[in-house]
Amino acid sequence: MKQKYEEFSEKLKAMGHPVRLQIISGVIKNECNVSQIQANLGLPQSTISQHLQILKSNKIIKGRREGTRVCYQVIDENVKKIIKLID
């Protein structure tokens, strides 16, 4: 049980940045690639990529290749519930 709380604590830390919350919310509403996320948030591609890496490493999102682009989706159901409460 302790491990469960530790894992979720790490996910909450990863979600604890306003940009990452916006990325998660946007990806839930519309799976998209880095270019679409960048256009929606108006941030540099490198910044978006850094945030995506943090979310991926905490198993909040995953990417799937579609031709030359990668589309991201939220894979953690608890994270989806949290974002639903926020939105």
C-alpha atoms as a PDB file:
ATOM      1  CA  MET A   1       0.000   0.000   0.000  1.00  0.00           C
ATOM      2  CA  LYS A   2       2.862   2.367   0.790  1.00  0.00           C
ATOM      3  CA  GLN A   3       4.250   1.873  -2.729  1.00  0.00           C
ATOM      4  CA  LYS A   4       0.873   2.817  -4.224  1.00  0.00           C
ATOM      5  CA  TYR A   5       0.928   6.148  -2.385  1.00  0.00           C
ATOM      6  CA  GLU A   6       4.523   6.797  -3.379  1.00  0.00           C
ATOM      7  CA  GLU A   7       3.758   6.134  -7.044  1.00  0.00           C
ATOM      8  CA  PHE A   8       0.710   8.381  -7.024  1.00  0.00           C
ATOM      9  CA  SER A   9       2.660  11.072  -5.176  1.00  0.00           C
ATOM     10  CA  GLU A  10       5.175  11.090  -8.034  1.00  0.00           C
ATOM     11  CA  LYS A  11       2.350  11.430 -10.563  1.00  0.00           C
ATOM     12  CA  LEU A  12       0.903  14.345  -8.626  1.00  0.00           C
ATOM     13  CA  LYS A  13       4.319  16.020  -8.623  1.00  0.00           C
ATOM     14  CA  ALA A  14       4.536  15.554 -12.383  1.00  0.00           C
ATOM     15  CA  MET A  15       1.069  17.059 -12.785  1.00  0.00           C
ATOM     16  CA  GLY A  16       1.939  19.952 -10.454  1.00  0.00           C
ATOM     17  CA  HIS A  17       2.941  22.370 -13.213  1.00  0.00           C
ATOM     18  CA  PRO A  18       0.304  24.537 -14.947  1.00  0.00           C
ATOM     19  CA  VAL A  19       1.652  23.760 -18.424  1.00  0.00           C
ATOM     20  CA  ARG A  20       1.566  20.018 -17.791  1.00  0.00           C
ATOM     21  CA  LEU A  21      -2.001  20.281 -16.514  1.00  0.00           C
ATOM     22  CA  GLN A  22      -2.933  22.115 -19.715  1.00  0.00           C
ATOM     23  CA  ILE A  23      -1.170  19.498 -21.832  1.00  0.00           C
ATOM     24  CA  ILE A  24      -2.970  16.662 -20.065  1.00  0.00           C
ATOM     25  CA  SER A  25      -6.331  18.384 -20.380  1.00  0.00           C
ATOM     26  CA  GLY A  26      -5.774  19.096 -24.067  1.00  0.00           C
ATOM     27  CA  VAL A  27      -4.644  15.561 -24.818  1.00  0.00           C
ATOM     28  CA  ILE A  28      -7.703  14.118 -23.039  1.00  0.00           C
ATOM     29  CA  LYS A  29      -9.979  16.270 -25.194  1.00  0.00           C
ATOM     30  CA  ASN A  30      -8.083  15.712 -28.434  1.00  0.00           C
ATOM     31  CA  GLU A  31      -5.170  13.324 -28.853  1.00  0.00           C
ATOM     32  CA  CYS A  32      -2.590  15.363 -30.635  1.00  0.00           C
ATOM     33  CA  ASN A  33       1.025  15.760 -31.558  1.00  0.00           C
ATOM     34  CA  VAL A  34       3.638  18.212 -30.331  1.00  0.00           C
ATOM     35  CA  SER A  35       2.874  20.746 -33.085  1.00  0.00           C
ATOM     36  CA  GLN A  36      -0.803  20.892 -32.110  1.00  0.00           C
ATOM     37  CA  ILE A  37       0.044  21.222 -28.422  1.00  0.00           C
ATOM     38  CA  GLN A  38       2.551  23.967 -29.245  1.00  0.00           C
ATOM     39  CA  ALA A  39      -0.016  25.863 -31.320  1.00  0.00           C
ATOM     40  CA  ASN A  40      -2.591  25.650 -28.522  1.00  0.00           C
ATOM     41  CA  LEU A  41      -0.242  26.767 -25.745  1.00  0.00           C
ATOM     42  CA  GLY A  42       2.015  29.127 -27.693  1.00  0.00           C
ATOM     43  CA  LEU A  43       5.193  27.700 -26.170  1.00  0.00           C
ATOM     44  CA  PRO A  44       8.433  26.601 -27.858  1.00  0.00           C
ATOM     45  CA  GLN A  45       8.543  23.024 -29.125  1.00  0.00           C
ATOM     46  CA  SER A  46      11.510  22.248 -26.878  1.00  0.00           C
ATOM     47  CA  THR A  47       9.536  23.313 -23.785  1.00  0.00           C
ATOM     48  CA  ILE A  48       6.564  21.158 -24.793  1.00  0.00           C
ATOM     49  CA  SER A  49       8.887  18.194 -25.395  1.00  0.00           C
ATOM     50  CA  GLN A  50      10.435  18.559 -21.934  1.00  0.00           C
ATOM     51  CA  HIS A  51       7.002  18.554 -20.305  1.00  0.00           C
ATOM     52  CA  LEU A  52       5.878  15.569 -22.384  1.00  0.00           C
ATOM     53  CA  GLN A  53       8.972  13.638 -21.301  1.00  0.00           C
ATOM     54  CA  ILE A  54       8.128  14.201 -17.628  1.00  0.00           C
ATOM     55  CA  LEU A  55       4.551  13.038 -18.221  1.00  0.00           C
ATOM     56  CA  LYS A  56       5.749   9.970 -20.149  1.00  0.00           C
ATOM     57  CA  SER A  57       8.316   9.003 -17.538  1.00  0.00           C
ATOM     58  CA  ASN A  58       5.575   9.069 -14.886  1.00  0.00           C
ATOM     59  CA  LYS A  59       3.308   6.874 -17.046  1.00  0.00           C
ATOM     60  CA  ILE A  60       0.653   9.557 -17.355  1.00  0.00           C
ATOM     61  CA  ILE A  61       0.733   9.701 -21.153  1.00  0.00           C
ATOM     62  CA  LYS A  62       2.072   7.576 -23.964  1.00  0.00           C
ATOM     63  CA  GLY A  63       2.745   8.282 -27.587  1.00  0.00           C
ATOM     64  CA  ARG A  64       1.910   6.242 -30.632  1.00  0.00           C
ATOM     65  CA  ARG A  65       3.491   6.770 -34.005  1.00  0.00           C
ATOM     66  CA  GLU A  66       1.251   7.698 -36.921  1.00  0.00           C
ATOM     67  CA  GLY A  67       3.475   8.067 -39.940  1.00  0.00           C
ATOM     68  CA  THR A  68       5.963  10.815 -39.176  1.00  0.00           C
ATOM     69  CA  ARG A  69       4.188  12.186 -36.118  1.00  0.00           C
ATOM     70  CA  VAL A  70       3.539  10.940 -32.608  1.00  0.00           C
ATOM     71  CA  CYS A  71       0.062  11.275 -31.121  1.00  0.00           C
ATOM     72  CA  TYR A  72      -0.204  11.329 -27.348  1.00  0.00           C
ATOM     73  CA  GLN A  73      -2.921   9.933 -25.119  1.00  0.00           C
ATOM     74  CA  VAL A  74      -3.501   9.942 -21.374  1.00  0.00           C
ATOM     75  CA  ILE A  75      -3.226   6.385 -20.096  1.00  0.00           C
ATOM     76  CA  ASP A  76      -3.799   6.877 -16.365  1.00  0.00           C
ATOM     77  CA  GLU A  77      -7.500   6.738 -15.481  1.00  0.00           C
ATOM     78  CA  ASN A  78      -6.951   8.424 -12.101  1.00  0.00           C
ATOM     79  CA  VAL A  79      -5.281  11.363 -13.818  1.00  0.00           C
ATOM     80  CA  LYS A  80      -8.257  11.633 -16.176  1.00  0.00           C
ATOM     81  CA  LYS A  81     -10.574  11.808 -13.147  1.00  0.00           C
ATOM     82  CA  ILE A  82      -8.474  14.550 -11.553  1.00  0.00           C
ATOM     83  CA  ILE A  83      -8.495  16.635 -14.732  1.00  0.00           C
ATOM     84  CA  LYS A  84     -12.239  16.153 -15.053  1.00  0.00           C
ATOM     85  CA  LEU A  85     -12.650  17.609 -11.559  1.00  0.00           C
ATOM     86  CA  ILE A  86     -10.444  20.575 -12.443  1.00  0.00           C
ATOM     87  CA  ASP A  87     -12.207  21.267 -15.753  1.00  0.00           C
END
